[in-house]
Amino acid sequence: ARTKQTIHPGVTCDGCQMFPINGSRFKCRNCDDFDFCETCFKTKKHNTRHTFGRIN
C-alpha cells in the first residue's frame, strides 16, 4: 500500500528552498517562521537549543 505524501502549500524549506514542502515538515517551535523538509532536518544545522515539531 502506498501512502500519499503530504504537501504543505505556501511553506518553503529554509534549508534547501523546496517549495512547497513535500512530505514531513519540521517547524521550529522557537522561531516565528522557520521550517525544514525532512532531508534538511536530518542534515542541516539550526540552533541546537531549539525544538522542532513534526507536521505530517
N, C-alpha and C. Protein backbone atom coordinates (compact mmCIF):
# COMPACT_ATOMS: atom_id res chain seq x y z
N ALA A 1 0.84 -1.19 0.00
CA ALA A 1 0.00 0.00 0.00
C ALA A 1 0.88 1.25 0.00
N ARG A 2 0.62 2.15 -0.92
CA ARG A 2 1.37 3.41 -0.99
C ARG A 2 0.70 4.45 -0.11
N THR A 3 1.52 5.20 0.57
CA THR A 3 0.97 6.29 1.37
C THR A 3 1.12 7.58 0.56
N LYS A 4 0.11 8.41 0.63
CA LYS A 4 0.14 9.69 -0.09
C LYS A 4 1.04 10.65 0.67
N GLN A 5 1.96 11.27 -0.06
CA GLN A 5 2.86 12.22 0.56
C GLN A 5 2.15 13.56 0.78
N THR A 6 2.32 14.13 1.94
CA THR A 6 1.69 15.39 2.28
C THR A 6 2.39 16.55 1.59
N ILE A 7 1.61 17.49 1.11
CA ILE A 7 2.14 18.73 0.54
C ILE A 7 1.71 19.87 1.46
N HIS A 8 2.65 20.74 1.81
CA HIS A 8 2.38 21.87 2.70
C HIS A 8 2.35 23.15 1.86
N PRO A 9 1.16 23.53 1.35
CA PRO A 9 1.04 24.71 0.46
C PRO A 9 1.55 25.98 1.14
N GLY A 10 2.29 26.76 0.40
CA GLY A 10 2.74 28.06 0.89
C GLY A 10 3.90 28.00 1.86
N VAL A 11 4.50 26.82 2.06
CA VAL A 11 5.60 26.70 3.03
C VAL A 11 6.89 26.33 2.29
N THR A 12 7.94 27.13 2.51
CA THR A 12 9.25 26.91 1.89
C THR A 12 10.22 26.37 2.93
N CYS A 13 11.03 25.38 2.54
CA CYS A 13 12.07 24.86 3.42
C CYS A 13 13.18 25.91 3.54
N ASP A 14 13.56 26.23 4.76
CA ASP A 14 14.61 27.22 4.99
C ASP A 14 16.01 26.65 4.79
N GLY A 15 16.09 25.35 4.49
CA GLY A 15 17.39 24.74 4.22
C GLY A 15 17.68 24.68 2.74
N CYS A 16 16.80 24.03 1.96
CA CYS A 16 17.04 23.80 0.52
C CYS A 16 16.11 24.60 -0.37
N GLN A 17 15.20 25.37 0.20
CA GLN A 17 14.24 26.20 -0.54
C GLN A 17 13.18 25.40 -1.28
N MET A 18 12.95 24.12 -0.91
CA MET A 18 11.87 23.35 -1.52
C MET A 18 10.56 24.09 -1.30
N PHE A 19 9.79 24.29 -2.38
CA PHE A 19 8.51 24.97 -2.27
C PHE A 19 7.51 24.33 -3.21
N PRO A 20 6.39 23.89 -2.71
CA PRO A 20 6.10 23.74 -1.28
C PRO A 20 6.82 22.52 -0.72
N ILE A 21 6.86 22.42 0.61
CA ILE A 21 7.47 21.25 1.24
C ILE A 21 6.59 20.04 0.96
N ASN A 22 7.21 18.97 0.47
CA ASN A 22 6.53 17.69 0.24
C ASN A 22 7.00 16.71 1.30
N GLY A 23 6.08 15.99 1.90
CA GLY A 23 6.43 15.04 2.95
C GLY A 23 6.36 15.71 4.31
N SER A 24 7.07 15.14 5.27
CA SER A 24 7.04 15.70 6.62
C SER A 24 7.68 17.08 6.66
N ARG A 25 7.09 17.93 7.47
CA ARG A 25 7.58 19.30 7.67
C ARG A 25 8.00 19.42 9.13
N PHE A 26 9.12 20.07 9.36
CA PHE A 26 9.61 20.26 10.71
C PHE A 26 9.65 21.75 11.00
N LYS A 27 8.78 22.19 11.92
CA LYS A 27 8.62 23.61 12.23
C LYS A 27 9.33 23.92 13.55
N CYS A 28 10.19 24.94 13.52
CA CYS A 28 10.88 25.35 14.74
C CYS A 28 9.87 25.95 15.71
N ARG A 29 9.91 25.49 16.94
CA ARG A 29 8.98 26.00 17.96
C ARG A 29 9.48 27.27 18.62
N ASN A 30 10.72 27.66 18.32
CA ASN A 30 11.30 28.84 18.94
C ASN A 30 11.33 30.05 18.01
N CYS A 31 11.41 29.80 16.71
CA CYS A 31 11.45 30.88 15.72
C CYS A 31 10.06 31.12 15.15
N ASP A 32 9.77 32.36 14.78
CA ASP A 32 8.45 32.71 14.25
C ASP A 32 8.15 32.02 12.93
N ASP A 33 9.13 31.92 12.06
CA ASP A 33 8.88 31.39 10.72
C ASP A 33 10.10 30.63 10.23
N PHE A 34 10.26 29.39 10.68
CA PHE A 34 11.40 28.58 10.26
C PHE A 34 10.94 27.15 10.11
N ASP A 35 11.10 26.60 8.89
CA ASP A 35 10.66 25.25 8.59
C ASP A 35 11.75 24.50 7.83
N PHE A 36 11.85 23.19 8.08
CA PHE A 36 12.73 22.30 7.33
C PHE A 36 11.91 21.19 6.71
N CYS A 37 12.34 20.72 5.52
CA CYS A 37 11.82 19.47 5.00
C CYS A 37 12.54 18.35 5.77
N GLU A 38 12.13 17.11 5.55
CA GLU A 38 12.72 16.01 6.31
C GLU A 38 14.22 15.86 6.05
N THR A 39 14.64 16.00 4.79
CA THR A 39 16.06 15.86 4.46
C THR A 39 16.90 16.91 5.18
N CYS A 40 16.46 18.16 5.13
CA CYS A 40 17.22 19.24 5.78
C CYS A 40 17.18 19.11 7.29
N PHE A 41 16.07 18.63 7.84
CA PHE A 41 16.00 18.44 9.28
C PHE A 41 17.08 17.46 9.73
N LYS A 42 17.34 16.45 8.92
CA LYS A 42 18.34 15.43 9.27
C LYS A 42 19.77 15.89 9.03
N THR A 43 19.97 16.82 8.09
CA THR A 43 21.34 17.15 7.69
C THR A 43 21.77 18.59 7.96
N LYS A 44 20.85 19.52 7.97
CA LYS A 44 21.22 20.93 8.16
C LYS A 44 21.26 21.28 9.64
N LYS A 45 22.01 22.30 9.93
CA LYS A 45 22.14 22.73 11.33
C LYS A 45 21.24 23.94 11.59
N HIS A 46 20.67 23.96 12.76
CA HIS A 46 19.88 25.08 13.26
C HIS A 46 20.30 25.23 14.71
N ASN A 47 19.83 26.21 15.39
CA ASN A 47 20.18 26.40 16.80
C ASN A 47 19.89 25.11 17.58
N THR A 48 20.91 24.51 18.18
CA THR A 48 20.76 23.22 18.85
C THR A 48 19.88 23.29 20.10
N ARG A 49 19.62 24.50 20.59
CA ARG A 49 18.74 24.64 21.76
C ARG A 49 17.27 24.72 21.37
N HIS A 50 17.01 24.85 20.10
CA HIS A 50 15.62 24.97 19.63
C HIS A 50 15.00 23.58 19.43
N THR A 51 13.70 23.51 19.64
CA THR A 51 12.98 22.25 19.43
C THR A 51 12.10 22.40 18.18
N PHE A 52 11.82 21.26 17.57
CA PHE A 52 11.01 21.22 16.35
C PHE A 52 9.78 20.37 16.55
N GLY A 53 8.73 20.74 15.88
CA GLY A 53 7.52 19.93 15.82
C GLY A 53 7.40 19.33 14.44
N ARG A 54 7.05 18.05 14.38
CA ARG A 54 6.89 17.38 13.09
C ARG A 54 5.43 17.49 12.67
N ILE A 55 5.22 17.94 11.44
CA ILE A 55 3.89 18.06 10.87
C ILE A 55 3.84 17.13 9.67
N ASN A 56 2.96 16.13 9.73
CA ASN A 56 2.89 15.18 8.62
C ASN A 56 1.91 15.61 7.57
